[in-house]
Amino acid sequence: MTEQGAHVPVLLDRVVELLAPALSEDEGRTVVDATLGLGGHAEALLRRSSTAHLVGLDRDREALARATERLALFGDRFTGVHAVYDRIADVLAGLGIRRVHGVLFDLGVSSLQLDEAGRGFAYSRDAPLDMRMDQSTGITAAEVLNTYAAADLARILRRYGEERFASRIAAAVVRERKRAPFDTSARLVELIRDTIPAPARRTGGNPAKRTFQALRIEVNGELEALERALPAAIDALAVGGRIVVLSYHSLEDRIVKQLFAARTTSTAPRGLPVELPEHRPELRLLTRSEPPTSDEIAANPRAQSARLRAVERIREAA
């Protein structure tokens, strides 16, 4: 979900290519950008499909305001909503929209959030440990560090950051917060660097990367929201409609892969001589885990870890 300044939306042309066939020139076609960001994907989709209506969701009020300004030229073809993407069903119901023809999820943290030092997402600069995508609600990363028990800290670092030294880092945090609460990122980065063994610091980039990812996911409930949002998006999809998901780490991608696999597989019992209509797959795969090209990565290094998956609805649910 990276775009600001010189950055361009990740896999922009490929996203548009995959969603455009479902957004024909017929009136009444609706596409949902569930992670609107600064509106780069949304603008491209609205330009490509001249009659489509796009509903853009974002939990970040600043991103939503910037995207709304950017997309004002499309008039009532764009509707912006301040919401987390797991509220997609409620948002569509509130707008009187029963079926949509395209959904885009561009997961993770945006460049707007990474590049604004005060948000605390980046481990490369000192900033308040906030990490909330919606700064109007919820617990901050500092509160997680200063209040969670060591076992809970270790659990989220291990689960959400896949951090090998989770217990060691958690113990160090609990020990150091007794001296003074954590409030800025530089102190946390220094603690992690001092806690992880020297050989492990020499590979894999900044050793704080996994801890910051884990804290961000915990603060924003990202994986739980995705687990709720994807089924809701599929349920809202018209036959012939398509969903495209861009994920940036294995935890997100695993959730997408498993759900898409379940919905693209027949549920007919083994040995059944004839597959009944209600057992046929609801979706078909358009692409599996598709990485960015080398040119894309050269133009936008933050796209390097992106993986794209896409499906199309081929029948209504039983």
Protein backbone atom coordinates (compact mmCIF):
# COMPACT_ATOMS: atom_id res chain seq x y z
CA MET A 1 0.00 0.00 0.00
CA THR A 2 2.76 2.39 -0.95
CA GLU A 3 2.28 5.67 -2.72
CA GLN A 4 3.33 9.24 -2.09
CA GLY A 5 5.46 11.78 -3.87
CA ALA A 6 7.65 9.93 -6.35
CA HIS A 7 6.10 6.60 -5.44
CA VAL A 8 3.42 5.04 -7.61
CA PRO A 9 0.73 2.57 -6.53
CA VAL A 10 2.02 -0.98 -6.37
CA LEU A 11 1.33 -3.10 -9.48
CA LEU A 12 -1.00 -0.39 -10.78
CA ASP A 13 -1.28 -1.60 -14.37
CA ARG A 14 -1.77 -5.22 -13.31
CA VAL A 15 -4.47 -4.32 -10.79
CA VAL A 16 -6.37 -2.33 -13.41
CA GLU A 17 -5.91 -5.08 -15.99
CA LEU A 18 -7.43 -7.66 -13.65
CA LEU A 19 -10.37 -5.57 -12.42
CA ALA A 20 -11.31 -3.79 -15.67
CA PRO A 21 -13.11 -6.76 -17.34
CA ALA A 22 -15.63 -6.78 -14.49
CA LEU A 23 -16.22 -3.03 -14.81
CA SER A 24 -17.78 -2.85 -18.24
CA GLU A 25 -19.29 0.27 -19.70
CA ASP A 26 -22.72 -0.81 -18.41
CA GLU A 27 -24.27 1.57 -15.88
CA GLY A 28 -24.45 0.50 -12.26
CA ARG A 29 -21.08 -1.21 -11.91
CA THR A 30 -19.52 -0.69 -8.49
CA VAL A 31 -15.93 -1.30 -7.40
CA VAL A 32 -14.70 -1.07 -3.82
CA ASP A 33 -11.20 0.09 -2.97
CA ALA A 34 -11.13 -1.28 0.57
CA THR A 35 -7.78 0.38 1.37
CA LEU A 36 -8.05 3.70 -0.44
CA GLY A 37 -4.78 5.29 0.70
CA LEU A 38 -3.98 8.33 -1.42
CA GLY A 39 -6.31 7.14 -4.19
CA GLY A 40 -3.84 6.12 -6.89
CA HIS A 41 -5.45 2.78 -7.71
CA ALA A 42 -8.89 4.35 -7.41
CA GLU A 43 -8.08 7.12 -9.89
CA ALA A 44 -6.73 4.64 -12.43
CA LEU A 45 -9.83 2.44 -12.12
CA LEU A 46 -12.21 5.40 -12.51
CA ARG A 47 -10.33 6.60 -15.58
CA ARG A 48 -10.31 3.12 -17.12
CA SER A 49 -14.02 2.49 -16.51
CA SER A 50 -15.81 5.69 -17.38
CA THR A 51 -19.20 4.76 -15.87
CA ALA A 52 -18.12 2.80 -12.80
CA HIS A 53 -18.86 3.98 -9.27
CA LEU A 54 -16.04 3.53 -6.76
CA VAL A 55 -16.53 3.25 -3.01
CA GLY A 56 -13.29 3.97 -1.16
CA LEU A 57 -12.73 2.89 2.45
CA ASP A 58 -9.89 3.97 4.69
CA ARG A 59 -9.42 4.07 8.45
CA ASP A 60 -6.84 6.87 8.14
CA ARG A 61 -8.70 10.19 8.13
CA GLU A 62 -5.80 12.11 6.59
CA ALA A 63 -5.44 9.61 3.74
CA LEU A 64 -9.20 9.71 3.14
CA ALA A 65 -9.19 13.51 3.00
CA ARG A 66 -6.31 13.59 0.52
CA ALA A 67 -7.86 10.91 -1.67
CA THR A 68 -11.25 12.65 -1.62
CA GLU A 69 -9.61 15.86 -2.83
CA ARG A 70 -7.73 13.96 -5.53
CA LEU A 71 -10.86 12.17 -6.76
CA ALA A 72 -13.20 15.18 -6.63
CA LEU A 73 -13.02 15.52 -10.42
CA PHE A 74 -15.04 12.29 -10.72
CA GLY A 75 -18.02 13.83 -8.92
CA ASP A 76 -20.60 11.38 -7.61
CA ARG A 77 -18.78 8.46 -9.20
CA PHE A 78 -16.63 8.39 -6.05
CA THR A 79 -17.85 7.87 -2.50
CA GLY A 80 -15.33 7.99 0.33
CA VAL A 81 -16.06 6.36 3.69
CA HIS A 82 -14.08 6.47 6.93
CA ALA A 83 -14.07 2.79 7.90
CA VAL A 84 -11.86 -0.23 8.43
CA TYR A 85 -12.21 -2.69 5.57
CA ASP A 86 -13.86 -5.35 7.73
CA ARG A 87 -16.94 -3.09 7.77
CA ILE A 88 -17.39 -3.50 4.02
CA ALA A 89 -20.80 -5.21 4.38
CA ASP A 90 -22.13 -2.44 6.66
CA VAL A 91 -20.79 0.29 4.38
CA LEU A 92 -22.40 -1.21 1.29
CA ALA A 93 -25.70 -1.78 3.10
CA GLY A 94 -25.67 1.84 4.26
CA LEU A 95 -25.19 2.98 0.65
CA GLY A 96 -27.95 0.68 -0.60
CA ILE A 97 -25.52 -1.38 -2.68
CA ARG A 98 -26.35 -5.09 -2.76
CA ARG A 99 -23.69 -6.36 -5.19
CA VAL A 100 -20.32 -5.07 -6.35
CA HIS A 101 -18.27 -5.99 -9.39
CA GLY A 102 -14.76 -5.46 -8.11
CA VAL A 103 -12.90 -5.23 -4.80
CA LEU A 104 -9.29 -4.23 -4.19
CA PHE A 105 -7.35 -4.83 -0.98
CA ASP A 106 -3.91 -3.22 -0.89
CA LEU A 107 -2.86 -4.35 2.56
CA GLY A 108 -0.25 -3.14 5.01
CA VAL A 109 1.03 0.30 5.86
CA SER A 110 0.99 3.13 3.32
CA SER A 111 3.79 5.49 2.37
CA LEU A 112 1.75 8.33 3.85
CA GLN A 113 1.99 6.59 7.21
CA LEU A 114 5.62 5.51 6.81
CA ASP A 115 6.84 8.89 5.63
CA GLU A 116 5.17 11.01 8.32
CA ALA A 117 7.66 10.82 11.17
CA GLY A 118 5.08 11.55 13.85
CA ARG A 119 3.14 8.37 13.16
CA GLY A 120 5.86 6.06 14.54
CA PHE A 121 5.63 3.37 11.85
CA ALA A 122 9.21 3.67 10.62
CA TYR A 123 12.10 2.22 12.61
CA SER A 124 14.60 4.33 10.65
CA ARG A 125 13.76 7.59 12.47
CA ASP A 126 12.91 8.60 16.01
CA ALA A 127 9.20 9.29 16.53
CA PRO A 128 6.41 8.77 19.06
CA LEU A 129 5.41 5.09 19.24
CA ASP A 130 1.87 5.48 17.95
CA MET A 131 1.39 3.18 14.89
CA ARG A 132 -2.39 3.62 14.79
CA MET A 133 -3.72 3.86 11.26
CA ASP A 134 -6.74 5.66 12.73
CA GLN A 135 -5.29 8.06 15.27
CA SER A 136 -8.72 8.84 16.69
CA THR A 137 -9.15 5.48 18.39
CA GLY A 138 -7.43 2.45 19.84
CA ILE A 139 -4.31 1.55 21.77
CA THR A 140 -0.89 2.87 20.72
CA ALA A 141 2.31 0.87 20.28
CA ALA A 142 3.73 2.60 23.35
CA GLU A 143 0.79 1.39 25.43
CA VAL A 144 1.35 -2.16 24.18
CA LEU A 145 5.03 -2.02 25.14
CA ASN A 146 4.36 -0.45 28.54
CA THR A 147 1.36 -2.54 29.68
CA TYR A 148 1.48 -6.03 28.12
CA ALA A 149 2.90 -8.88 30.18
CA ALA A 150 6.16 -10.38 28.95
CA ALA A 151 4.38 -13.53 27.77
CA ASP A 152 1.87 -11.51 25.73
CA LEU A 153 4.61 -9.36 24.21
CA ALA A 154 6.56 -12.46 23.25
CA ARG A 155 3.42 -14.00 21.74
CA ILE A 156 2.69 -11.07 19.42
CA LEU A 157 6.35 -10.70 18.41
CA ARG A 158 6.49 -14.39 17.57
CA ARG A 159 3.10 -14.58 15.87
CA TYR A 160 2.96 -11.28 14.00
CA GLY A 161 6.66 -10.62 13.49
CA GLU A 162 7.91 -14.20 13.21
CA GLU A 163 10.68 -13.03 15.51
CA ARG A 164 13.07 -15.80 16.63
CA PHE A 165 14.19 -13.80 19.66
CA ALA A 166 10.68 -12.82 20.79
CA SER A 167 11.07 -13.96 24.40
CA ARG A 168 14.44 -12.27 24.75
CA ILE A 169 13.14 -8.95 23.37
CA ALA A 170 9.96 -9.10 25.49
CA ALA A 171 11.98 -9.68 28.65
CA ALA A 172 14.25 -6.75 27.80
CA VAL A 173 11.26 -4.47 27.19
CA VAL A 174 9.68 -5.38 30.53
CA ARG A 175 13.00 -4.84 32.32
CA GLU A 176 13.67 -1.47 30.67
CA ARG A 177 10.16 -0.05 31.03
CA LYS A 178 10.57 -0.25 34.81
CA ARG A 179 13.35 2.29 34.42
CA ALA A 180 11.27 4.53 32.14
CA PRO A 181 8.23 3.92 29.93
CA PHE A 182 8.79 3.58 26.20
CA ASP A 183 7.53 6.56 24.24
CA THR A 184 9.71 6.90 21.11
CA SER A 185 11.01 4.52 18.47
CA ALA A 186 14.76 5.17 18.77
CA ARG A 187 14.98 3.69 22.25
CA LEU A 188 13.11 0.57 21.15
CA VAL A 189 15.33 0.13 18.10
CA GLU A 190 18.44 0.45 20.28
CA LEU A 191 17.09 -2.11 22.77
CA ILE A 192 16.35 -4.61 20.00
CA ARG A 193 19.79 -4.13 18.47
CA ASP A 194 21.44 -4.70 21.85
CA THR A 195 19.25 -7.74 22.64
CA ILE A 196 19.58 -9.75 19.43
CA PRO A 197 22.84 -11.76 19.10
CA ALA A 198 25.47 -10.18 16.88
CA PRO A 199 25.46 -12.94 14.20
CA ALA A 200 21.71 -12.50 13.73
CA ARG A 201 22.12 -8.73 13.28
CA ARG A 202 24.37 -9.20 10.26
CA THR A 203 21.63 -10.58 7.97
CA GLY A 204 18.01 -9.82 7.17
CA GLY A 205 18.11 -6.05 7.27
CA ASN A 206 17.29 -3.89 10.29
CA PRO A 207 16.75 -6.18 13.31
CA ALA A 208 13.85 -3.97 14.48
CA LYS A 209 11.81 -4.66 11.34
CA ARG A 210 10.01 -7.74 12.69
CA THR A 211 9.17 -6.14 16.04
CA PHE A 212 7.75 -3.02 14.39
CA GLN A 213 5.65 -5.17 12.04
CA ALA A 214 4.30 -7.15 14.99
CA LEU A 215 3.42 -4.04 16.99
CA ARG A 216 1.70 -2.45 13.99
CA ILE A 217 -0.39 -5.55 13.34
CA GLU A 218 -1.36 -5.80 17.01
CA VAL A 219 -2.26 -2.12 17.34
CA ASN A 220 -4.44 -2.15 14.23
CA GLY A 221 -5.88 -5.66 14.47
CA GLU A 222 -4.88 -6.18 10.85
CA LEU A 223 -5.06 -9.95 10.53
CA GLU A 224 -8.37 -10.27 12.36
CA ALA A 225 -9.82 -7.51 10.18
CA LEU A 226 -8.62 -9.29 7.03
CA GLU A 227 -10.13 -12.59 8.19
CA ARG A 228 -13.50 -10.83 8.51
CA ALA A 229 -13.22 -8.62 5.45
CA LEU A 230 -12.36 -11.14 2.75
CA PRO A 231 -15.42 -13.40 3.24
CA ALA A 232 -17.64 -10.30 3.40
CA ALA A 233 -16.16 -9.03 0.13
CA ILE A 234 -16.72 -12.39 -1.55
CA ASP A 235 -20.32 -12.46 -0.32
CA ALA A 236 -20.90 -9.01 -1.83
CA LEU A 237 -19.43 -9.97 -5.20
CA ALA A 238 -21.71 -10.35 -8.23
CA VAL A 239 -21.20 -13.24 -10.62
CA GLY A 240 -18.40 -12.14 -12.93
CA GLY A 241 -17.04 -9.79 -10.27
CA ARG A 242 -13.39 -9.90 -9.26
CA ILE A 243 -11.27 -9.44 -6.14
CA VAL A 244 -7.61 -8.44 -6.21
CA VAL A 245 -5.47 -8.59 -3.07
CA LEU A 246 -1.96 -7.17 -2.61
CA SER A 247 -0.24 -8.50 0.49
CA TYR A 248 3.21 -7.68 1.83
CA HIS A 249 4.15 -10.45 4.25
CA SER A 250 3.51 -14.16 4.63
CA LEU A 251 0.91 -13.81 7.39
CA GLU A 252 -1.43 -11.76 5.20
CA ASP A 253 -0.73 -13.83 2.12
CA ARG A 254 -1.46 -17.09 3.97
CA ILE A 255 -4.92 -15.88 4.99
CA VAL A 256 -5.72 -14.84 1.41
CA LYS A 257 -4.33 -18.05 -0.08
CA GLN A 258 -6.28 -20.32 2.26
CA LEU A 259 -9.60 -18.53 1.80
CA PHE A 260 -9.26 -18.37 -1.97
CA ALA A 261 -8.31 -22.05 -2.05
CA ALA A 262 -11.41 -22.98 -0.06
CA ARG A 263 -13.73 -20.99 -2.33
CA THR A 264 -12.14 -22.22 -5.58
CA THR A 265 -12.40 -25.91 -4.65
CA SER A 266 -15.37 -28.22 -5.11
CA THR A 267 -17.07 -29.29 -1.88
CA ALA A 268 -18.49 -32.49 -3.39
CA PRO A 269 -17.83 -35.60 -1.25
CA ARG A 270 -15.28 -37.98 -2.69
CA GLY A 271 -16.80 -40.73 -4.77
CA LEU A 272 -19.92 -38.75 -5.71
CA PRO A 273 -20.62 -39.75 -9.33
CA VAL A 274 -22.05 -36.35 -10.30
CA GLU A 275 -21.05 -32.99 -8.88
CA LEU A 276 -24.19 -31.20 -7.77
CA PRO A 277 -24.45 -27.46 -8.54
CA GLU A 278 -24.26 -26.50 -4.86
CA HIS A 279 -20.88 -28.24 -4.58
CA ARG A 280 -19.24 -26.40 -7.45
CA PRO A 281 -16.63 -23.76 -6.62
CA GLU A 282 -17.91 -20.22 -6.12
CA LEU A 283 -14.68 -18.65 -7.41
CA ARG A 284 -11.98 -19.32 -9.95
CA LEU A 285 -8.36 -18.28 -9.61
CA LEU A 286 -7.20 -15.56 -11.97
CA THR A 287 -3.63 -15.60 -10.68
CA ARG A 288 -1.73 -17.20 -7.85
CA SER A 289 0.99 -15.48 -5.83
CA GLU A 290 2.28 -12.99 -8.40
CA PRO A 291 5.33 -10.84 -7.52
CA PRO A 292 6.19 -7.41 -8.92
CA THR A 293 8.49 -7.18 -11.90
CA SER A 294 12.08 -6.01 -11.61
CA ASP A 295 11.06 -2.74 -13.30
CA GLU A 296 8.32 -2.23 -10.72
CA ILE A 297 10.75 -2.80 -7.86
CA ALA A 298 13.29 -0.43 -9.41
CA ALA A 299 10.64 2.30 -9.66
CA ASN A 300 9.21 1.63 -6.21
CA PRO A 301 11.47 -0.37 -3.84
CA ARG A 302 8.67 -0.67 -1.29
CA ALA A 303 6.84 -2.94 -3.74
CA GLN A 304 9.52 -5.62 -3.42
CA SER A 305 7.65 -7.81 -0.93
CA ALA A 306 4.25 -7.46 -2.63
CA ARG A 307 2.33 -10.54 -3.74
CA LEU A 308 -0.83 -10.32 -5.83
CA ARG A 309 -3.69 -12.82 -5.83
CA ALA A 310 -6.96 -12.49 -7.74
CA VAL A 311 -10.22 -14.43 -8.11
CA GLU A 312 -13.48 -14.15 -10.06
CA ARG A 313 -16.93 -15.22 -8.86
CA ILE A 314 -18.36 -17.87 -11.19
CA ARG A 315 -21.61 -18.72 -9.40
CA GLU A 316 -23.82 -17.53 -6.59
CA ALA A 317 -23.43 -19.16 -3.19
CA ALA A 318 -25.77 -22.08 -2.53
